[in-house]
PDB file of N, CA and C in Angstrom:
ATOM      1  N   UNK A   1       2.122  13.245  14.099  1.00  0.00           N
ATOM      2  CA  UNK A   1       2.355  13.096  12.667  1.00  0.00           C
ATOM      3  C   UNK A   1       1.133  13.640  11.923  1.00  0.00           C
ATOM      4  N   UNK A   2       1.371  14.389  10.868  1.00  0.00           N
ATOM      5  CA  UNK A   2       0.284  14.969  10.089  1.00  0.00           C
ATOM      6  C   UNK A   2      -0.398  13.895   9.243  1.00  0.00           C
ATOM      7  N   UNK A   3      -1.690  14.084   9.071  1.00  0.00           N
ATOM      8  CA  UNK A   3      -2.444  13.147   8.231  1.00  0.00           C
ATOM      9  C   UNK A   3      -2.147  13.420   6.768  1.00  0.00           C
ATOM     10  N   UNK A   4      -2.167  12.377   5.978  1.00  0.00           N
ATOM     11  CA  UNK A   4      -1.972  12.508   4.549  1.00  0.00           C
ATOM     12  C   UNK A   4      -3.164  11.830   3.882  1.00  0.00           C
ATOM     13  N   UNK A   5      -4.278  12.545   3.817  1.00  0.00           N
ATOM     14  CA  UNK A   5      -5.528  11.937   3.347  1.00  0.00           C
ATOM     15  C   UNK A   5      -5.465  11.415   1.918  1.00  0.00           C
ATOM     16  N   UNK A   6      -4.855  12.131   0.967  1.00  0.00           N
ATOM     17  CA  UNK A   6      -4.779  11.551  -0.383  1.00  0.00           C
ATOM     18  C   UNK A   6      -4.010  10.227  -0.402  1.00  0.00           C
ATOM     19  N   UNK A   7      -2.917  10.150   0.337  1.00  0.00           N
ATOM     20  CA  UNK A   7      -2.154   8.900   0.403  1.00  0.00           C
ATOM     21  C   UNK A   7      -2.971   7.819   1.092  1.00  0.00           C
ATOM     22  N   UNK A   8      -3.638   8.167   2.193  1.00  0.00           N
ATOM     23  CA  UNK A   8      -4.486   7.196   2.896  1.00  0.00           C
ATOM     24  C   UNK A   8      -5.561   6.629   1.979  1.00  0.00           C
ATOM     25  N   UNK A   9      -6.209   7.499   1.222  1.00  0.00           N
ATOM     26  CA  UNK A   9      -7.272   7.042   0.306  1.00  0.00           C
ATOM     27  C   UNK A   9      -6.701   6.136  -0.777  1.00  0.00           C
ATOM     28  N   UNK A  10      -5.555   6.500  -1.315  1.00  0.00           N
ATOM     29  CA  UNK A  10      -4.934   5.690  -2.360  1.00  0.00           C
ATOM     30  C   UNK A  10      -4.551   4.314  -1.826  1.00  0.00           C
ATOM     31  N   UNK A  11      -3.926   4.267  -0.654  1.00  0.00           N
ATOM     32  CA  UNK A  11      -3.552   2.981  -0.069  1.00  0.00           C
ATOM     33  C   UNK A  11      -4.785   2.134   0.232  1.00  0.00           C
ATOM     34  N   UNK A  12      -5.849   2.755   0.733  1.00  0.00           N
ATOM     35  CA  UNK A  12      -7.091   2.021   1.000  1.00  0.00           C
ATOM     36  C   UNK A  12      -7.637   1.402  -0.289  1.00  0.00           C
ATOM     37  N   UNK A  13      -7.615   2.164  -1.371  1.00  0.00           N
ATOM     38  CA  UNK A  13      -8.095   1.630  -2.661  1.00  0.00           C
ATOM     39  C   UNK A  13      -7.230   0.482  -3.141  1.00  0.00           C
ATOM     40  N   UNK A  14      -5.912   0.613  -2.987  1.00  0.00           N
ATOM     41  CA  UNK A  14      -5.006  -0.454  -3.420  1.00  0.00           C
ATOM     42  C   UNK A  14      -5.209  -1.723  -2.598  1.00  0.00           C
ATOM     43  N   UNK A  15      -5.472  -1.579  -1.307  1.00  0.00           N
ATOM     44  CA  UNK A  15      -5.761  -2.741  -0.464  1.00  0.00           C
ATOM     45  C   UNK A  15      -7.098  -3.346  -0.883  1.00  0.00           C
ATOM     46  N   UNK A  16      -8.088  -2.499  -1.100  1.00  0.00           N
ATOM     47  CA  UNK A  16      -9.425  -2.966  -1.481  1.00  0.00           C
ATOM     48  C   UNK A  16      -9.405  -3.751  -2.799  1.00  0.00           C
ATOM     49  N   UNK A  17      -8.570  -3.324  -3.737  1.00  0.00           N
ATOM     50  CA  UNK A  17      -8.482  -4.002  -5.036  1.00  0.00           C
ATOM     51  C   UNK A  17      -7.455  -5.133  -5.033  1.00  0.00           C
ATOM     52  N   UNK A  18      -6.914  -5.421  -3.862  1.00  0.00           N
ATOM     53  CA  UNK A  18      -5.942  -6.512  -3.674  1.00  0.00           C
ATOM     54  C   UNK A  18      -4.650  -6.322  -4.461  1.00  0.00           C
ATOM     55  N   UNK A  19      -4.294  -5.077  -4.717  1.00  0.00           N
ATOM     56  CA  UNK A  19      -3.004  -4.788  -5.337  1.00  0.00           C
ATOM     57  C   UNK A  19      -1.904  -4.718  -4.277  1.00  0.00           C
ATOM     58  N   UNK A  20      -2.309  -4.363  -3.061  1.00  0.00           N
ATOM     59  CA  UNK A  20      -1.382  -4.173  -1.944  1.00  0.00           C
ATOM     60  C   UNK A  20      -1.942  -4.881  -0.724  1.00  0.00           C
ATOM     61  N   UNK A  21      -1.039  -5.467   0.054  1.00  0.00           N
ATOM     62  CA  UNK A  21      -1.405  -6.117   1.301  1.00  0.00           C
ATOM     63  C   UNK A  21      -0.985  -5.212   2.461  1.00  0.00           C
ATOM     64  N   UNK A  22      -1.853  -5.064   3.464  1.00  0.00           N
ATOM     65  CA  UNK A  22      -1.583  -4.213   4.619  1.00  0.00           C
ATOM     66  C   UNK A  22      -1.456  -5.095   5.850  1.00  0.00           C
ATOM     67  N   UNK A  23      -0.350  -4.913   6.594  1.00  0.00           N
ATOM     68  CA  UNK A  23      -0.116  -5.653   7.824  1.00  0.00           C
ATOM     69  C   UNK A  23       0.167  -4.658   8.942  1.00  0.00           C
ATOM     70  N   UNK A  24      -0.523  -4.822  10.065  1.00  0.00           N
ATOM     71  CA  UNK A  24      -0.313  -3.949  11.223  1.00  0.00           C
ATOM     72  C   UNK A  24       0.487  -4.727  12.256  1.00  0.00           C
ATOM     73  N   UNK A  25       1.592  -4.110  12.726  1.00  0.00           N
ATOM     74  CA  UNK A  25       2.456  -4.717  13.737  1.00  0.00           C
ATOM     75  C   UNK A  25       2.338  -3.902  15.020  1.00  0.00           C
ATOM     76  N   UNK A  26       1.933  -4.550  16.103  1.00  0.00           N
ATOM     77  CA  UNK A  26       1.861  -3.885  17.397  1.00  0.00           C
ATOM     78  C   UNK A  26       3.264  -3.880  17.987  1.00  0.00           C
ATOM     79  N   UNK A  27       3.824  -2.692  18.167  1.00  0.00           N
ATOM     80  CA  UNK A  27       5.188  -2.595  18.692  1.00  0.00           C
ATOM     81  C   UNK A  27       5.197  -2.303  20.183  1.00  0.00           C
ATOM     82  N   UNK A  28       4.026  -2.310  20.801  1.00  0.00           N
ATOM     83  CA  UNK A  28       3.927  -2.157  22.245  1.00  0.00           C
ATOM     84  C   UNK A  28       4.326  -0.777  22.744  1.00  0.00           C
ATOM     85  N   UNK A  29       3.369  -0.049  23.259  1.00  0.00           N
ATOM     86  CA  UNK A  29       3.662   1.244  23.860  1.00  0.00           C
ATOM     87  C   UNK A  29       3.614   2.422  22.915  1.00  0.00           C
ATOM     88  N   UNK A  30       3.878   2.202  21.672  1.00  0.00           N
ATOM     89  CA  UNK A  30       3.835   3.308  20.714  1.00  0.00           C
ATOM     90  C   UNK A  30       2.797   2.989  19.636  1.00  0.00           C
ATOM     91  N   UNK A  31       2.664   3.902  18.721  1.00  0.00           N
ATOM     92  CA  UNK A  31       1.702   3.689  17.638  1.00  0.00           C
ATOM     93  C   UNK A  31       2.062   2.419  16.862  1.00  0.00           C
ATOM     94  N   UNK A  32       1.064   1.682  16.419  1.00  0.00           N
ATOM     95  CA  UNK A  32       1.360   0.467  15.657  1.00  0.00           C
ATOM     96  C   UNK A  32       2.074   0.797  14.344  1.00  0.00           C
ATOM     97  N   UNK A  33       2.900  -0.105  13.919  1.00  0.00           N
ATOM     98  CA  UNK A  33       3.609   0.053  12.653  1.00  0.00           C
ATOM     99  C   UNK A  33       2.806  -0.647  11.578  1.00  0.00           C
ATOM    100  N   UNK A  34       2.584   0.039  10.467  1.00  0.00           N
ATOM    101  CA  UNK A  34       1.819  -0.520   9.366  1.00  0.00           C
ATOM    102  C   UNK A  34       2.760  -0.728   8.188  1.00  0.00           C
ATOM    103  N   UNK A  35       2.713  -1.918   7.613  1.00  0.00           N
ATOM    104  CA  UNK A  35       3.579  -2.248   6.476  1.00  0.00           C
ATOM    105  C   UNK A  35       2.701  -2.600   5.281  1.00  0.00           C
ATOM    106  N   UNK A  36       3.034  -2.043   4.134  1.00  0.00           N
ATOM    107  CA  UNK A  36       2.332  -2.331   2.880  1.00  0.00           C
ATOM    108  C   UNK A  36       3.296  -3.044   1.951  1.00  0.00           C
ATOM    109  N   UNK A  37       2.766  -4.007   1.200  1.00  0.00           N
ATOM    110  CA  UNK A  37       3.604  -4.680   0.190  1.00  0.00           C
ATOM    111  C   UNK A  37       2.729  -5.051  -0.993  1.00  0.00           C
ATOM    112  N   UNK A  38       3.365  -5.099  -2.146  1.00  0.00           N
ATOM    113  CA  UNK A  38       2.639  -5.497  -3.341  1.00  0.00           C
ATOM    114  C   UNK A  38       2.258  -6.961  -3.265  1.00  0.00           C
ATOM    115  N   UNK A  39       1.076  -7.271  -3.736  1.00  0.00           N
ATOM    116  CA  UNK A  39       0.640  -8.660  -3.856  1.00  0.00           C
ATOM    117  C   UNK A  39       1.058  -9.172  -5.237  1.00  0.00           C
ATOM    118  N   UNK A  40       0.790 -10.428  -5.521  1.00  0.00           N
ATOM    119  CA  UNK A  40       1.059 -10.956  -6.870  1.00  0.00           C
ATOM    120  C   UNK A  40       0.309 -10.140  -7.913  1.00  0.00           C
ATOM    121  N   UNK A  41      -0.913  -9.790  -7.575  1.00  0.00           N
ATOM    122  CA  UNK A  41      -1.713  -8.976  -8.497  1.00  0.00           C
ATOM    123  C   UNK A  41      -1.055  -7.612  -8.718  1.00  0.00           C
ATOM    124  N   UNK A  42      -0.532  -7.020  -7.664  1.00  0.00           N
ATOM    125  CA  UNK A  42       0.170  -5.741  -7.789  1.00  0.00           C
ATOM    126  C   UNK A  42       1.407  -5.852  -8.665  1.00  0.00           C
ATOM    127  N   UNK A  43       2.184  -6.914  -8.450  1.00  0.00           N
ATOM    128  CA  UNK A  43       3.375  -7.127  -9.279  1.00  0.00           C
ATOM    129  C   UNK A  43       3.008  -7.370 -10.744  1.00  0.00           C
ATOM    130  N   UNK A  44       1.832  -7.949 -10.971  1.00  0.00           N
ATOM    131  CA  UNK A  44       1.458  -8.275 -12.346  1.00  0.00           C
ATOM    132  C   UNK A  44       1.231  -7.032 -13.210  1.00  0.00           C
ATOM    133  N   UNK A  45       0.949  -5.891 -12.582  1.00  0.00           N
ATOM    134  CA  UNK A  45       0.714  -4.672 -13.367  1.00  0.00           C
ATOM    135  C   UNK A  45       1.972  -3.828 -13.536  1.00  0.00           C
ATOM    136  N   UNK A  46       3.083  -4.209 -12.909  1.00  0.00           N
ATOM    137  CA  UNK A  46       4.319  -3.426 -13.043  1.00  0.00           C
ATOM    138  C   UNK A  46       4.782  -3.269 -14.489  1.00  0.00           C
ATOM    139  N   UNK A  47       4.735  -4.303 -15.334  1.00  0.00           N
ATOM    140  CA  UNK A  47       5.145  -4.099 -16.726  1.00  0.00           C
ATOM    141  C   UNK A  47       4.280  -3.048 -17.439  1.00  0.00           C
ATOM    142  N   UNK A  48       3.012  -3.006 -17.123  1.00  0.00           N
ATOM    143  CA  UNK A  48       2.125  -2.012 -17.731  1.00  0.00           C
ATOM    144  C   UNK A  48       2.506  -0.618 -17.257  1.00  0.00           C
ATOM    145  N   UNK A  49       2.755  -0.476 -15.968  1.00  0.00           N
ATOM    146  CA  UNK A  49       3.154   0.825 -15.437  1.00  0.00           C
ATOM    147  C   UNK A  49       4.481   1.268 -16.035  1.00  0.00           C
ATOM    148  N   UNK A  50       5.432   0.344 -16.158  1.00  0.00           N
ATOM    149  CA  UNK A  50       6.731   0.668 -16.779  1.00  0.00           C
ATOM    150  C   UNK A  50       6.537   1.144 -18.217  1.00  0.00           C
ATOM    151  N   UNK A  51       5.665   0.481 -18.940  1.00  0.00           N
ATOM    152  CA  UNK A  51       5.404   0.852 -20.344  1.00  0.00           C
ATOM    153  C   UNK A  51       4.797   2.246 -20.422  1.00  0.00           C
ATOM    154  N   UNK A  52       3.860   2.544 -19.551  1.00  0.00           N
ATOM    155  CA  UNK A  52       3.233   3.863 -19.528  1.00  0.00           C
ATOM    156  C   UNK A  52       4.223   4.965 -19.129  1.00  0.00           C
ATOM    157  N   UNK A  53       5.140   4.618 -18.246  1.00  0.00           N
ATOM    158  CA  UNK A  53       6.105   5.616 -17.769  1.00  0.00           C
ATOM    159  C   UNK A  53       7.239   5.851 -18.761  1.00  0.00           C
ATOM    160  N   UNK A  54       7.435   4.885 -19.633  1.00  0.00           N
ATOM    161  CA  UNK A  54       8.600   4.890 -20.432  1.00  0.00           C
ATOM    162  C   UNK A  54       8.685   5.544 -21.698  1.00  0.00           C
TER     163      UNK A  54
END
C-alpha cells in the first residue's frame, strides 16, 4: 500500500489535539487494522465546520 504522508500528518495532528481517537486492532498474520473516530471534542466542532462549508 502506498504511503499517504499528508493524510498521515493530518490524522496525527487530529489525534494529538484530541479531536480524533486512534485504535489499533491486531488481526493476526496481516497488517494491523487502524480505526479512527471522532471524540466528543471532534463532534463539538462539526457545527462550526458545517457553517464554514455552507
